[in-house]
PDB file of all heavy atoms in Angstrom:
ATOM      1  N   THR A   1      43.389 131.043 127.670  1.00  0.00           N
ATOM      2  CA  THR A   1      43.088 131.213 126.256  1.00  0.00           C
ATOM      3  C   THR A   1      42.760 129.874 125.614  1.00  0.00           C
ATOM      4  O   THR A   1      42.829 128.821 126.249  1.00  0.00           O
ATOM      5  CB  THR A   1      44.276 131.880 125.528  1.00  0.00           C
ATOM      6  OG1 THR A   1      43.858 132.233 124.208  1.00  0.00           O
ATOM      7  CG2 THR A   1      45.480 130.942 125.455  1.00  0.00           C
ATOM      8  N   ARG A   2      42.415 129.913 124.350  1.00  0.00           N
ATOM      9  CA  ARG A   2      42.048 128.735 123.574  1.00  0.00           C
ATOM     10  C   ARG A   2      43.099 128.522 122.501  1.00  0.00           C
ATOM     11  O   ARG A   2      43.735 129.465 122.044  1.00  0.00           O
ATOM     12  CB  ARG A   2      40.677 128.980 122.948  1.00  0.00           C
ATOM     13  CG  ARG A   2      40.078 127.827 122.146  1.00  0.00           C
ATOM     14  CD  ARG A   2      38.671 128.225 121.719  1.00  0.00           C
ATOM     15  NE  ARG A   2      37.941 127.111 121.113  1.00  0.00           N
ATOM     16  CZ  ARG A   2      37.753 126.973 119.798  1.00  0.00           C
ATOM     17  NH1 ARG A   2      38.274 127.849 118.958  1.00  0.00           N
ATOM     18  NH2 ARG A   2      37.053 125.953 119.332  1.00  0.00           N
ATOM     19  N   GLY A   3      43.257 127.290 122.073  1.00  0.00           N
ATOM     20  CA  GLY A   3      44.260 127.005 121.060  1.00  0.00           C
ATOM     21  C   GLY A   3      44.052 127.768 119.771  1.00  0.00           C
ATOM     22  O   GLY A   3      44.900 128.546 119.349  1.00  0.00           O
ATOM     23  N   CYS A   4      42.924 127.586 119.130  1.00  0.00           N
ATOM     24  CA  CYS A   4      42.617 128.304 117.891  1.00  0.00           C
ATOM     25  C   CYS A   4      41.614 129.400 118.192  1.00  0.00           C
ATOM     26  O   CYS A   4      40.487 129.116 118.613  1.00  0.00           O
ATOM     27  CB  CYS A   4      42.058 127.365 116.830  1.00  0.00           C
ATOM     28  SG  CYS A   4      41.647 128.236 115.293  1.00  0.00           S
ATOM     29  N   LEU A   5      42.017 130.643 117.955  1.00  0.00           N
ATOM     30  CA  LEU A   5      41.136 131.789 118.198  1.00  0.00           C
ATOM     31  C   LEU A   5      40.508 132.323 116.912  1.00  0.00           C
ATOM     32  O   LEU A   5      39.769 133.298 116.941  1.00  0.00           O
ATOM     33  CB  LEU A   5      41.923 132.915 118.881  1.00  0.00           C
ATOM     34  CG  LEU A   5      42.379 132.640 120.314  1.00  0.00           C
ATOM     35  CD1 LEU A   5      43.343 133.721 120.773  1.00  0.00           C
ATOM     36  CD2 LEU A   5      41.186 132.576 121.254  1.00  0.00           C
ATOM     37  N   GLY A   6      40.807 131.676 115.777  1.00  0.00           N
ATOM     38  CA  GLY A   6      40.285 132.149 114.499  1.00  0.00           C
ATOM     39  C   GLY A   6      38.766 132.244 114.509  1.00  0.00           C
ATOM     40  O   GLY A   6      38.079 131.255 114.731  1.00  0.00           O
ATOM     41  N   GLY A   7      38.256 133.428 114.280  1.00  0.00           N
ATOM     42  CA  GLY A   7      36.814 133.634 114.229  1.00  0.00           C
ATOM     43  C   GLY A   7      36.145 133.745 115.582  1.00  0.00           C
ATOM     44  O   GLY A   7      34.952 134.045 115.657  1.00  0.00           O
ATOM     45  N   THR A   8      36.896 133.490 116.655  1.00  0.00           N
ATOM     46  CA  THR A   8      36.313 133.578 117.999  1.00  0.00           C
ATOM     47  C   THR A   8      36.941 134.700 118.823  1.00  0.00           C
ATOM     48  O   THR A   8      36.277 135.297 119.666  1.00  0.00           O
ATOM     49  CB  THR A   8      36.457 132.247 118.769  1.00  0.00           C
ATOM     50  OG1 THR A   8      37.849 131.975 119.000  1.00  0.00           O
ATOM     51  CG2 THR A   8      35.844 131.099 117.988  1.00  0.00           C
ATOM     52  N   GLY A   9      38.225 134.983 118.589  1.00  0.00           N
ATOM     53  CA  GLY A   9      38.884 136.065 119.299  1.00  0.00           C
ATOM     54  C   GLY A   9      39.963 136.716 118.453  1.00  0.00           C
ATOM     55  O   GLY A   9      40.608 137.673 118.873  1.00  0.00           O
ATOM     56  N   PHE A  10      40.145 136.196 117.249  1.00  0.00           N
ATOM     57  CA  PHE A  10      41.219 136.636 116.356  1.00  0.00           C
ATOM     58  C   PHE A  10      40.700 136.633 114.926  1.00  0.00           C
ATOM     59  O   PHE A  10      39.874 135.783 114.554  1.00  0.00           O
ATOM     60  CB  PHE A  10      42.400 135.666 116.475  1.00  0.00           C
ATOM     61  CG  PHE A  10      43.499 135.885 115.469  1.00  0.00           C
ATOM     62  CD1 PHE A  10      44.573 136.702 115.764  1.00  0.00           C
ATOM     63  CD2 PHE A  10      43.473 135.265 114.222  1.00  0.00           C
ATOM     64  CE1 PHE A  10      45.592 136.914 114.843  1.00  0.00           C
ATOM     65  CE2 PHE A  10      44.483 135.471 113.289  1.00  0.00           C
ATOM     66  CZ  PHE A  10      45.553 136.296 113.612  1.00  0.00           C
ATOM     67  N   CYS A  11      41.186 137.580 114.120  1.00  0.00           N
ATOM     68  CA  CYS A  11      40.920 137.503 112.682  1.00  0.00           C
ATOM     69  C   CYS A  11      42.056 138.176 111.922  1.00  0.00           C
ATOM     70  O   CYS A  11      42.912 138.848 112.507  1.00  0.00           O
ATOM     71  CB  CYS A  11      39.570 138.117 112.308  1.00  0.00           C
ATOM     72  SG  CYS A  11      39.532 139.918 112.383  1.00  0.00           S
ATOM     73  N   PHE A  12      42.049 137.973 110.629  1.00  0.00           N
ATOM     74  CA  PHE A  12      43.075 138.479 109.723  1.00  0.00           C
ATOM     75  C   PHE A  12      42.392 139.346 108.675  1.00  0.00           C
ATOM     76  O   PHE A  12      41.311 139.001 108.180  1.00  0.00           O
ATOM     77  CB  PHE A  12      43.770 137.281 109.064  1.00  0.00           C
ATOM     78  CG  PHE A  12      44.734 137.616 107.962  1.00  0.00           C
ATOM     79  CD1 PHE A  12      46.054 137.934 108.245  1.00  0.00           C
ATOM     80  CD2 PHE A  12      44.331 137.586 106.631  1.00  0.00           C
ATOM     81  CE1 PHE A  12      46.955 138.228 107.228  1.00  0.00           C
ATOM     82  CE2 PHE A  12      45.215 137.876 105.605  1.00  0.00           C
ATOM     83  CZ  PHE A  12      46.537 138.194 105.904  1.00  0.00           C
ATOM     84  N   ILE A  13      43.013 140.480 108.348  1.00  0.00           N
ATOM     85  CA  ILE A  13      42.509 141.334 107.266  1.00  0.00           C
ATOM     86  C   ILE A  13      43.601 141.420 106.211  1.00  0.00           C
ATOM     87  O   ILE A  13      44.735 141.821 106.490  1.00  0.00           O
ATOM     88  CB  ILE A  13      42.153 142.742 107.767  1.00  0.00           C
ATOM     89  CG1 ILE A  13      41.110 142.665 108.889  1.00  0.00           C
ATOM     90  CG2 ILE A  13      41.610 143.593 106.611  1.00  0.00           C
ATOM     91  CD1 ILE A  13      40.788 144.012 109.524  1.00  0.00           C
ATOM     92  N   SER A  14      43.264 141.025 104.991  1.00  0.00           N
ATOM     93  CA  SER A  14      44.260 140.987 103.920  1.00  0.00           C
ATOM     94  C   SER A  14      44.576 142.378 103.397  1.00  0.00           C
ATOM     95  O   SER A  14      43.892 143.369 103.714  1.00  0.00           O
ATOM     96  CB  SER A  14      43.765 140.105 102.767  1.00  0.00           C
ATOM     97  OG  SER A  14      42.874 140.836 101.929  1.00  0.00           O
ATOM     98  N   ALA A  15      45.590 142.452 102.568  1.00  0.00           N
ATOM     99  CA  ALA A  15      46.030 143.728 101.999  1.00  0.00           C
ATOM    100  C   ALA A  15      44.958 144.395 101.154  1.00  0.00           C
ATOM    101  O   ALA A  15      45.003 145.608 100.934  1.00  0.00           O
ATOM    102  CB  ALA A  15      47.293 143.512 101.165  1.00  0.00           C
ATOM    103  N   VAL A  16      43.972 143.621 100.697  1.00  0.00           N
ATOM    104  CA  VAL A  16      42.894 144.203  99.889  1.00  0.00           C
ATOM    105  C   VAL A  16      41.552 144.165 100.615  1.00  0.00           C
ATOM    106  O   VAL A  16      40.503 144.349 100.005  1.00  0.00           O
ATOM    107  CB  VAL A  16      42.789 143.497  98.516  1.00  0.00           C
ATOM    108  CG1 VAL A  16      44.036 143.776  97.683  1.00  0.00           C
ATOM    109  CG2 VAL A  16      42.588 141.996  98.686  1.00  0.00           C
ATOM    110  N   GLY A  17      41.595 143.912 101.940  1.00  0.00           N
ATOM    111  CA  GLY A  17      40.386 144.060 102.745  1.00  0.00           C
ATOM    112  C   GLY A  17      39.579 142.813 103.009  1.00  0.00           C
ATOM    113  O   GLY A  17      38.518 142.878 103.648  1.00  0.00           O
ATOM    114  N   GLN A  18      40.047 141.644 102.534  1.00  0.00           N
ATOM    115  CA  GLN A  18      39.310 140.412 102.814  1.00  0.00           C
ATOM    116  C   GLN A  18      39.542 139.996 104.259  1.00  0.00           C
ATOM    117  O   GLN A  18      40.685 139.904 104.704  1.00  0.00           O
ATOM    118  CB  GLN A  18      39.744 139.290 101.874  1.00  0.00           C
ATOM    119  CG  GLN A  18      39.031 137.958 102.150  1.00  0.00           C
ATOM    120  CD  GLN A  18      39.306 136.918 101.088  1.00  0.00           C
ATOM    121  OE1 GLN A  18      38.918 137.092  99.930  1.00  0.00           O
ATOM    122  NE2 GLN A  18      39.974 135.828 101.454  1.00  0.00           N
ATOM    123  N   VAL A  19      38.460 139.724 104.976  1.00  0.00           N
ATOM    124  CA  VAL A  19      38.545 139.287 106.367  1.00  0.00           C
ATOM    125  C   VAL A  19      38.534 137.763 106.397  1.00  0.00           C
ATOM    126  O   VAL A  19      37.697 137.121 105.738  1.00  0.00           O
ATOM    127  CB  VAL A  19      37.377 139.850 107.205  1.00  0.00           C
ATOM    128  CG1 VAL A  19      37.483 139.399 108.659  1.00  0.00           C
ATOM    129  CG2 VAL A  19      37.367 141.375 107.129  1.00  0.00           C
ATOM    130  N   GLN A  20      39.472 137.181 107.140  1.00  0.00           N
ATOM    131  CA  GLN A  20      39.627 135.726 107.226  1.00  0.00           C
ATOM    132  C   GLN A  20      39.779 135.319 108.688  1.00  0.00           C
ATOM    133  O   GLN A  20      40.154 136.148 109.528  1.00  0.00           O
ATOM    134  CB  GLN A  20      40.877 135.284 106.453  1.00  0.00           C
ATOM    135  CG  GLN A  20      40.891 135.718 104.994  1.00  0.00           C
ATOM    136  CD  GLN A  20      42.225 135.456 104.298  1.00  0.00           C
ATOM    137  OE1 GLN A  20      42.488 136.029 103.242  1.00  0.00           O
ATOM    138  NE2 GLN A  20      43.090 134.631 104.890  1.00  0.00           N
ATOM    139  N   PRO A  21      39.541 134.041 108.997  1.00  0.00           N
ATOM    140  CA  PRO A  21      39.766 133.572 110.375  1.00  0.00           C
ATOM    141  C   PRO A  21      41.223 133.728 110.791  1.00  0.00           C
ATOM    142  O   PRO A  21      41.530 134.027 111.938  1.00  0.00           O
ATOM    143  CB  PRO A  21      39.359 132.101 110.322  1.00  0.00           C
ATOM    144  CG  PRO A  21      38.479 131.987 109.126  1.00  0.00           C
ATOM    145  CD  PRO A  21      39.000 132.983 108.141  1.00  0.00           C
ATOM    146  N   CYS A  22      42.140 133.494 109.840  1.00  0.00           N
ATOM    147  CA  CYS A  22      43.570 133.701 110.074  1.00  0.00           C
ATOM    148  C   CYS A  22      44.236 133.838 108.713  1.00  0.00           C
ATOM    149  O   CYS A  22      43.600 133.636 107.676  1.00  0.00           O
ATOM    150  CB  CYS A  22      44.187 132.542 110.874  1.00  0.00           C
ATOM    151  SG  CYS A  22      44.387 130.999 109.938  1.00  0.00           S
ATOM    152  N   GLY A  23      45.523 134.166 108.721  1.00  0.00           N
ATOM    153  CA  GLY A  23      46.223 134.359 107.459  1.00  0.00           C
ATOM    154  C   GLY A  23      46.403 133.083 106.661  1.00  0.00           C
ATOM    155  O   GLY A  23      46.568 133.121 105.443  1.00  0.00           O
ATOM    156  N   TYR A  24      46.388 131.945 107.353  1.00  0.00           N
ATOM    157  CA  TYR A  24      46.621 130.662 106.686  1.00  0.00           C
ATOM    158  C   TYR A  24      45.363 130.084 106.049  1.00  0.00           C
ATOM    159  O   TYR A  24      45.443 129.172 105.235  1.00  0.00           O
ATOM    160  CB  TYR A  24      47.164 129.643 107.685  1.00  0.00           C
ATOM    161  CG  TYR A  24      48.533 129.975 108.222  1.00  0.00           C
ATOM    162  CD1 TYR A  24      48.738 130.162 109.584  1.00  0.00           C
ATOM    163  CD2 TYR A  24      49.628 130.094 107.377  1.00  0.00           C
ATOM    164  CE1 TYR A  24      50.000 130.457 110.088  1.00  0.00           C
ATOM    165  CE2 TYR A  24      50.884 130.398 107.862  1.00  0.00           C
ATOM    166  CZ  TYR A  24      51.061 130.573 109.219  1.00  0.00           C
ATOM    167  OH  TYR A  24      52.309 130.875 109.708  1.00  0.00           O
ATOM    168  N   LEU A  25      44.191 130.570 106.455  1.00  0.00           N
ATOM    169  CA  LEU A  25      42.938 130.038 105.927  1.00  0.00           C
ATOM    170  C   LEU A  25      42.307 131.091 105.018  1.00  0.00           C
ATOM    171  O   LEU A  25      41.689 132.050 105.481  1.00  0.00           O
ATOM    172  CB  LEU A  25      41.988 129.668 107.076  1.00  0.00           C
ATOM    173  CG  LEU A  25      40.619 129.092 106.684  1.00  0.00           C
ATOM    174  CD1 LEU A  25      40.755 127.946 105.673  1.00  0.00           C
ATOM    175  CD2 LEU A  25      39.864 128.627 107.934  1.00  0.00           C
ATOM    176  N   ASP A  26      42.494 130.909 103.718  1.00  0.00           N
ATOM    177  CA  ASP A  26      42.002 131.866 102.725  1.00  0.00           C
ATOM    178  C   ASP A  26      40.507 131.659 102.521  1.00  0.00           C
ATOM    179  O   ASP A  26      40.062 131.129 101.503  1.00  0.00           O
ATOM    180  CB  ASP A  26      42.776 131.689 101.422  1.00  0.00           C
ATOM    181  CG  ASP A  26      42.448 132.776 100.409  1.00  0.00           C
ATOM    182  OD1 ASP A  26      41.688 133.700 100.757  1.00  0.00           O
ATOM    183  OD2 ASP A  26      42.943 132.700  99.264  1.00  0.00           O
ATOM    184  N   LEU A  27      39.756 132.086 103.512  1.00  0.00           N
ATOM    185  CA  LEU A  27      38.306 131.916 103.522  1.00  0.00           C
ATOM    186  C   LEU A  27      37.686 133.309 103.545  1.00  0.00           C
ATOM    187  O   LEU A  27      37.920 134.080 104.487  1.00  0.00           O
ATOM    188  CB  LEU A  27      37.896 131.117 104.765  1.00  0.00           C
ATOM    189  CG  LEU A  27      36.418 130.795 104.935  1.00  0.00           C
ATOM    190  CD1 LEU A  27      35.938 129.858 103.826  1.00  0.00           C
ATOM    191  CD2 LEU A  27      36.185 130.141 106.311  1.00  0.00           C
ATOM    192  N   ASP A  28      36.926 133.646 102.525  1.00  0.00           N
ATOM    193  CA  ASP A  28      36.353 134.989 102.407  1.00  0.00           C
ATOM    194  C   ASP A  28      35.155 135.130 103.337  1.00  0.00           C
ATOM    195  O   ASP A  28      34.066 134.651 103.053  1.00  0.00           O
ATOM    196  CB  ASP A  28      35.939 135.236 100.954  1.00  0.00           C
ATOM    197  CG  ASP A  28      35.476 136.665 100.720  1.00  0.00           C
ATOM    198  OD1 ASP A  28      35.384 137.439 101.697  1.00  0.00           O
ATOM    199  OD2 ASP A  28      35.186 137.005  99.551  1.00  0.00           O
ATOM    200  N   CYS A  29      35.372 135.823 104.443  1.00  0.00           N
ATOM    201  CA  CYS A  29      34.306 136.034 105.419  1.00  0.00           C
ATOM    202  C   CYS A  29      33.661 137.403 105.261  1.00  0.00           C
ATOM    203  O   CYS A  29      32.822 137.801 106.084  1.00  0.00           O
ATOM    204  CB  CYS A  29      34.864 135.884 106.843  1.00  0.00           C
ATOM    205  SG  CYS A  29      35.562 134.250 107.177  1.00  0.00           S
ATOM    206  N   GLY A  30      34.048 138.111 104.222  1.00  0.00           N
ATOM    207  CA  GLY A  30      33.532 139.446 103.964  1.00  0.00           C
ATOM    208  C   GLY A  30      34.680 140.382 103.649  1.00  0.00           C
ATOM    209  O   GLY A  30      35.831 140.114 104.000  1.00  0.00           O
ATOM    210  N   ASN A  31      34.376 141.489 102.975  1.00  0.00           N
ATOM    211  CA  ASN A  31      35.409 142.463 102.636  1.00  0.00           C
ATOM    212  C   ASN A  31      35.036 143.815 103.226  1.00  0.00           C
ATOM    213  O   ASN A  31      33.897 144.271 103.074  1.00  0.00           O
ATOM    214  CB  ASN A  31      35.577 142.577 101.120  1.00  0.00           C
ATOM    215  CG  ASN A  31      36.850 143.323 100.750  1.00  0.00           C
ATOM    216  OD1 ASN A  31      37.005 144.507 101.037  1.00  0.00           O
ATOM    217  ND2 ASN A  31      37.780 142.615 100.110  1.00  0.00           N
TER     218      ASN A  31
END
């Protein structure tokens, strides 16, 4: 595996549908 998988093999979806690389990076990649 790779150290950081954000945006490459992992992502986070917020309670209101915002998709982010991970929960710690509040970057709006789409809803």
